[in-house]
Amino acid sequence: MTLDKSVWGATASTSLFVLLWSSGAIFARLGLDHASPFAFLTLRFALAFATLLLLCNWRGQGLPERGSRLKVAGIGLLLIGGYTICYLLALDNGITPGVLAALLGVQPILTLVVLERRFPLARLLGLGVALGGLVLLVWQSIGKAQVTSLGLIYALASLGSMTVGAILQKGLQQSPMQLLPVQYGASLLACLLLVPYKPFHFEVTLDFAIPLLWLALVISVVAQLLLYRLMQAGNLVNVTSLFYLVPVVTAGMDYLFLGNALAPLGLAGMGGILAGLVLVFGVGSRSG
């Protein structure tokens, strides 16, 4: 039997992306024990920005094409800066992680409706089943939620930033290594503008340095490059649907590394997510 190297390569890239991205929540939880959220985020963006500049200089990689640089920076401000900053502000204004995860889970459905005017209903059903599984997975957090108007505005802004940013990013046909330094630079500038209005403190300890380095180098550089390559090469709805797998893998890591077991409802939610994604990718591959 002949093995298609491109298929194996895409599968390996996808699996690595999901694994790395899922680890972000674990390291963020550890890092926030030793720093304020905006200090953590600003230092993460600064370190990622500096690393990307060094990589570009080492590889002789240039800036984005002339005439597109402001557009690239604006897209990065949405997809990286706007999404992450609004995410933090939503949490800071009373939105629980579970409610936020459920709201952000609408993104693949929005992307499908916007980009694919004609699509199999089975595909939409698969996204709905996966979203329902996500709601079950985070149900405990949703049950404790007391949603505030300002928190909801920030949560919807985070959803909008991610959705619009991903759609616009898909249209950029330049090397991800060309795009990311400018995009992280714009996101870092947005954080710096907000720092005077938010608590900013961190501990200079190894317990803080390890999560910071992991998020700045592994998530913001390696995983983000993988995400951009997947977005350029594949169907955007399929790629954004991969984010449904992130809480599943994160829950597994939470149990393995931190000892926090899932309730039966959470396990049922994980099953719903996996069943929905099987339907999404099955229909997507047949229609593609």
Protein backbone atom coordinates (compact mmCIF):
# COMPACT_ATOMS: atom_id res chain seq x y z
CA MET A 1 0.00 0.00 0.00
CA THR A 2 1.40 3.43 -0.99
CA LEU A 3 1.40 6.03 1.77
CA ASP A 4 0.54 9.60 0.79
CA LYS A 5 3.25 11.66 2.45
CA SER A 6 1.22 14.85 2.17
CA VAL A 7 -1.67 13.25 4.08
CA TRP A 8 0.64 11.97 6.79
CA GLY A 9 2.33 15.36 6.99
CA ALA A 10 -0.99 17.18 7.34
CA THR A 11 -2.15 14.71 10.00
CA ALA A 12 1.09 15.13 11.96
CA SER A 13 0.88 18.95 11.75
CA THR A 14 -2.75 18.93 12.85
CA SER A 15 -2.10 16.58 15.78
CA LEU A 16 0.94 18.56 16.91
CA PHE A 17 -1.00 21.83 16.73
CA VAL A 18 -3.90 20.50 18.84
CA LEU A 19 -1.50 18.99 21.38
CA LEU A 20 0.56 22.17 21.73
CA TRP A 21 -2.41 24.55 21.76
CA SER A 22 -4.18 22.46 24.39
CA SER A 23 -1.18 22.69 26.68
CA GLY A 24 -1.50 26.47 26.73
CA ALA A 25 -4.33 26.47 29.28
CA ILE A 26 -2.29 24.33 31.69
CA PHE A 27 0.77 26.58 31.51
CA ALA A 28 -1.37 29.73 31.66
CA ARG A 29 -2.97 28.46 34.85
CA LEU A 30 0.47 27.84 36.36
CA GLY A 31 1.85 31.19 35.22
CA LEU A 32 -1.07 33.25 36.52
CA ASP A 33 -0.24 32.03 40.04
CA HIS A 34 2.83 34.27 39.82
CA ALA A 35 1.74 37.25 37.71
CA SER A 36 -1.19 39.51 36.90
CA PRO A 37 -2.97 38.64 33.64
CA PHE A 38 -1.84 41.70 31.68
CA ALA A 39 1.73 41.41 32.91
CA PHE A 40 1.77 37.78 31.79
CA LEU A 41 0.24 38.60 28.40
CA THR A 42 2.47 41.63 27.73
CA LEU A 43 5.66 39.74 28.60
CA ARG A 44 4.51 36.80 26.48
CA PHE A 45 3.88 39.02 23.44
CA ALA A 46 7.19 40.88 23.95
CA LEU A 47 9.21 37.66 24.13
CA ALA A 48 7.38 36.14 21.15
CA PHE A 49 7.93 39.34 19.13
CA ALA A 50 11.66 39.41 19.94
CA THR A 51 12.03 35.71 19.10
CA LEU A 52 10.25 36.10 15.75
CA LEU A 53 12.48 39.05 14.85
CA LEU A 54 15.59 36.97 15.62
CA LEU A 55 14.26 34.05 13.55
CA CYS A 56 13.47 36.31 10.62
CA ASN A 57 16.93 37.88 10.77
CA TRP A 58 18.59 34.45 10.96
CA ARG A 59 16.60 33.16 7.98
CA GLY A 60 16.93 36.38 6.00
CA GLN A 61 13.14 36.68 5.99
CA GLY A 62 11.76 40.08 5.08
CA LEU A 63 8.71 42.06 6.11
CA PRO A 64 5.29 41.53 4.51
CA GLU A 65 4.94 42.70 0.93
CA ARG A 66 4.75 46.45 0.37
CA GLY A 67 1.19 47.72 0.35
CA SER A 68 -0.01 44.94 2.64
CA ARG A 69 1.79 45.78 5.88
CA LEU A 70 -0.98 47.84 7.48
CA LYS A 71 -3.49 45.16 6.51
CA VAL A 72 -1.29 42.43 8.00
CA ALA A 73 -0.88 44.42 11.23
CA GLY A 74 -4.64 45.03 11.42
CA ILE A 75 -5.43 41.34 10.95
CA GLY A 76 -2.90 40.43 13.65
CA LEU A 77 -4.45 43.01 15.94
CA LEU A 78 -7.78 41.20 15.50
CA LEU A 79 -6.69 37.55 15.46
CA ILE A 80 -3.98 37.74 18.13
CA GLY A 81 -4.24 40.96 20.11
CA GLY A 82 -7.97 41.71 20.00
CA TYR A 83 -9.02 38.12 20.60
CA THR A 84 -6.66 37.59 23.56
CA ILE A 85 -7.13 41.00 25.20
CA CYS A 86 -10.93 40.83 24.96
CA TYR A 87 -10.76 37.25 26.27
CA LEU A 88 -8.90 38.46 29.37
CA LEU A 89 -11.20 41.45 29.83
CA ALA A 90 -14.25 39.17 29.59
CA LEU A 91 -12.85 36.97 32.36
CA ASP A 92 -11.97 40.09 34.36
CA ASN A 93 -15.58 41.27 34.10
CA GLY A 94 -17.27 38.16 35.44
CA ILE A 95 -17.54 35.80 32.46
CA THR A 96 -16.54 32.31 33.55
CA PRO A 97 -14.14 30.24 31.39
CA GLY A 98 -16.99 27.84 30.64
CA VAL A 99 -19.33 30.51 29.30
CA LEU A 100 -16.49 32.02 27.29
CA ALA A 101 -15.56 28.63 25.81
CA ALA A 102 -19.19 28.03 24.82
CA LEU A 103 -19.49 31.45 23.16
CA LEU A 104 -16.21 31.05 21.28
CA GLY A 105 -17.37 27.61 20.16
CA VAL A 106 -19.81 29.37 17.84
CA GLN A 107 -16.90 30.50 15.64
CA PRO A 108 -16.76 27.50 13.26
CA ILE A 109 -20.53 27.81 12.69
CA LEU A 110 -20.21 31.52 11.91
CA THR A 111 -17.28 30.78 9.60
CA LEU A 112 -19.29 28.11 7.79
CA VAL A 113 -22.27 30.42 7.26
CA VAL A 114 -20.12 33.34 6.07
CA LEU A 115 -17.75 31.47 3.76
CA GLU A 116 -19.82 28.58 2.43
CA ARG A 117 -23.19 29.83 1.24
CA ARG A 118 -24.11 26.28 0.12
CA PHE A 119 -23.11 23.51 2.50
CA PRO A 120 -24.43 20.07 3.53
CA LEU A 121 -26.83 20.31 6.48
CA ALA A 122 -25.05 17.29 7.96
CA ARG A 123 -21.95 19.45 8.29
CA LEU A 124 -23.87 22.12 10.19
CA LEU A 125 -25.38 19.37 12.33
CA GLY A 126 -21.90 18.08 13.13
CA LEU A 127 -20.80 21.55 14.26
CA GLY A 128 -23.96 21.81 16.37
CA VAL A 129 -23.31 18.43 18.03
CA ALA A 130 -19.71 19.43 18.76
CA LEU A 131 -20.88 22.75 20.23
CA GLY A 132 -23.41 20.88 22.38
CA GLY A 133 -20.64 18.59 23.60
CA LEU A 134 -18.55 21.65 24.46
CA VAL A 135 -21.43 23.09 26.50
CA LEU A 136 -21.73 19.82 28.43
CA LEU A 137 -17.98 19.76 29.00
CA VAL A 138 -18.02 23.23 30.59
CA TRP A 139 -21.51 22.96 32.10
CA GLN A 140 -20.32 23.22 35.70
CA SER A 141 -18.67 26.56 34.98
CA ILE A 142 -21.72 27.76 33.03
CA GLY A 143 -23.98 26.85 35.96
CA LYS A 144 -22.00 29.11 38.28
CA ALA A 145 -21.95 32.03 35.87
CA GLN A 146 -23.35 35.45 36.61
CA VAL A 147 -23.04 37.13 33.24
CA THR A 148 -22.46 40.90 33.29
CA SER A 149 -23.25 43.18 30.35
CA LEU A 150 -19.67 44.43 30.05
CA GLY A 151 -18.28 40.90 30.32
CA LEU A 152 -20.64 39.73 27.57
CA ILE A 153 -19.59 42.64 25.33
CA TYR A 154 -15.93 41.68 25.73
CA ALA A 155 -16.73 38.01 25.11
CA LEU A 156 -18.59 38.83 21.89
CA ALA A 157 -15.74 41.14 20.87
CA SER A 158 -13.33 38.24 21.38
CA LEU A 159 -15.54 35.99 19.24
CA GLY A 160 -15.82 38.66 16.54
CA SER A 161 -12.09 39.35 16.55
CA MET A 162 -11.26 35.67 16.16
CA THR A 163 -13.86 35.02 13.45
CA VAL A 164 -13.15 38.07 11.29
CA GLY A 165 -9.40 37.80 11.86
CA ALA A 166 -9.33 34.13 10.80
CA ILE A 167 -11.35 34.84 7.63
CA LEU A 168 -9.05 37.73 6.66
CA GLN A 169 -5.92 35.75 7.57
CA LYS A 170 -7.02 32.96 5.21
CA GLY A 171 -6.80 35.47 2.36
CA LEU A 172 -3.14 36.33 3.02
CA GLN A 173 -0.98 34.26 0.71
CA GLN A 174 2.36 35.21 2.23
CA SER A 175 4.72 33.18 4.38
CA PRO A 176 3.53 32.97 8.01
CA MET A 177 7.05 33.89 9.10
CA GLN A 178 6.67 37.16 7.18
CA LEU A 179 3.35 37.92 8.86
CA LEU A 180 3.80 37.00 12.50
CA PRO A 181 6.47 39.54 13.59
CA VAL A 182 4.33 42.46 12.40
CA GLN A 183 1.20 40.94 13.90
CA TYR A 184 2.79 40.31 17.29
CA GLY A 185 4.29 43.79 17.20
CA ALA A 186 0.82 45.30 16.73
CA SER A 187 -0.62 43.08 19.49
CA LEU A 188 2.21 44.02 21.87
CA LEU A 189 1.54 47.71 21.22
CA ALA A 190 -2.14 47.21 22.06
CA CYS A 191 -1.18 45.54 25.36
CA LEU A 192 1.26 48.33 26.24
CA LEU A 193 -1.47 50.92 25.70
CA LEU A 194 -3.68 49.12 28.25
CA VAL A 195 -0.98 48.35 30.84
CA PRO A 196 -1.32 51.70 32.71
CA TYR A 197 -4.97 50.88 33.43
CA LYS A 198 -4.48 47.30 34.63
CA PRO A 199 -2.56 45.65 37.50
CA PHE A 200 0.97 44.80 36.39
CA HIS A 201 3.12 42.58 38.59
CA PHE A 202 5.06 39.33 38.29
CA GLU A 203 7.49 37.21 40.29
CA VAL A 204 11.01 36.66 39.03
CA THR A 205 11.03 32.94 39.76
CA LEU A 206 11.51 29.70 37.84
CA ASP A 207 7.85 28.83 38.49
CA PHE A 208 6.90 31.89 36.45
CA ALA A 209 9.68 31.70 33.87
CA ILE A 210 8.81 28.19 32.66
CA PRO A 211 5.12 28.92 31.84
CA LEU A 212 6.11 32.26 30.29
CA LEU A 213 8.72 30.65 28.03
CA TRP A 214 6.33 27.86 27.04
CA LEU A 215 3.53 30.24 26.08
CA ALA A 216 5.81 32.76 24.38
CA LEU A 217 7.97 30.33 22.41
CA VAL A 218 6.01 27.10 21.99
CA ILE A 219 2.45 28.46 21.75
CA SER A 220 2.95 31.94 20.31
CA VAL A 221 5.68 30.95 17.84
CA VAL A 222 5.60 27.22 17.04
CA ALA A 223 1.86 26.55 17.45
CA GLN A 224 0.88 29.85 15.82
CA LEU A 225 3.05 29.09 12.79
CA LEU A 226 1.43 25.66 12.54
CA LEU A 227 -2.03 27.24 12.76
CA TYR A 228 -1.26 29.70 9.96
CA ARG A 229 0.08 26.93 7.74
CA LEU A 230 -3.03 24.84 8.38
CA MET A 231 -5.25 27.84 7.58
CA GLN A 232 -3.43 28.48 4.30
CA ALA A 233 -3.49 24.85 3.21
CA GLY A 234 -6.90 23.65 4.37
CA ASN A 235 -10.59 24.45 4.64
CA LEU A 236 -11.02 27.23 7.22
CA VAL A 237 -14.14 25.68 8.77
CA ASN A 238 -12.28 22.41 9.32
CA VAL A 239 -9.28 24.20 10.80
CA THR A 240 -11.35 26.32 13.20
CA SER A 241 -13.33 23.20 14.15
CA LEU A 242 -10.09 21.79 15.54
CA PHE A 243 -10.49 24.20 18.46
CA TYR A 244 -13.31 21.95 19.71
CA LEU A 245 -10.61 19.35 20.38
CA VAL A 246 -8.60 21.74 22.54
CA PRO A 247 -10.76 21.48 25.71
CA VAL A 248 -10.88 17.69 25.27
CA VAL A 249 -7.09 17.39 25.20
CA THR A 250 -6.72 20.04 27.91
CA ALA A 251 -9.09 18.08 30.16
CA GLY A 252 -6.94 15.00 29.65
CA MET A 253 -3.80 16.95 30.52
CA ASP A 254 -5.56 18.47 33.53
CA TYR A 255 -6.24 14.96 34.81
CA LEU A 256 -2.79 13.55 34.00
CA PHE A 257 -0.70 16.46 35.29
CA LEU A 258 -2.88 18.19 37.89
CA GLY A 259 -5.10 15.30 39.04
CA ASN A 260 -8.44 16.99 38.26
CA ALA A 261 -10.88 14.33 37.06
CA LEU A 262 -13.90 15.07 34.85
CA ALA A 263 -17.48 14.50 36.00
CA PRO A 264 -19.67 12.09 33.96
CA LEU A 265 -21.35 15.07 32.26
CA GLY A 266 -17.95 16.29 31.11
CA LEU A 267 -17.09 12.88 29.71
CA ALA A 268 -20.38 12.89 27.81
CA GLY A 269 -19.46 16.30 26.46
CA MET A 270 -16.12 15.02 25.24
CA GLY A 271 -17.93 12.22 23.43
CA GLY A 272 -20.28 14.74 21.81
CA ILE A 273 -17.36 16.86 20.59
CA LEU A 274 -15.62 13.88 19.04
CA ALA A 275 -18.83 12.60 17.40
CA GLY A 276 -19.60 16.04 15.98
CA LEU A 277 -16.10 16.45 14.54
CA VAL A 278 -16.24 13.01 12.91
CA LEU A 279 -19.38 14.20 11.11
CA VAL A 280 -17.85 17.58 10.19
CA PHE A 281 -14.66 16.16 8.75
CA GLY A 282 -16.42 13.22 7.10
CA VAL A 283 -18.88 15.44 5.26
CA GLY A 284 -16.17 18.02 4.58
CA SER A 285 -13.88 15.47 2.92
CA ARG A 286 -16.69 14.09 0.74
CA SER A 287 -17.86 17.52 -0.36
CA GLY A 288 -14.27 18.77 -0.92
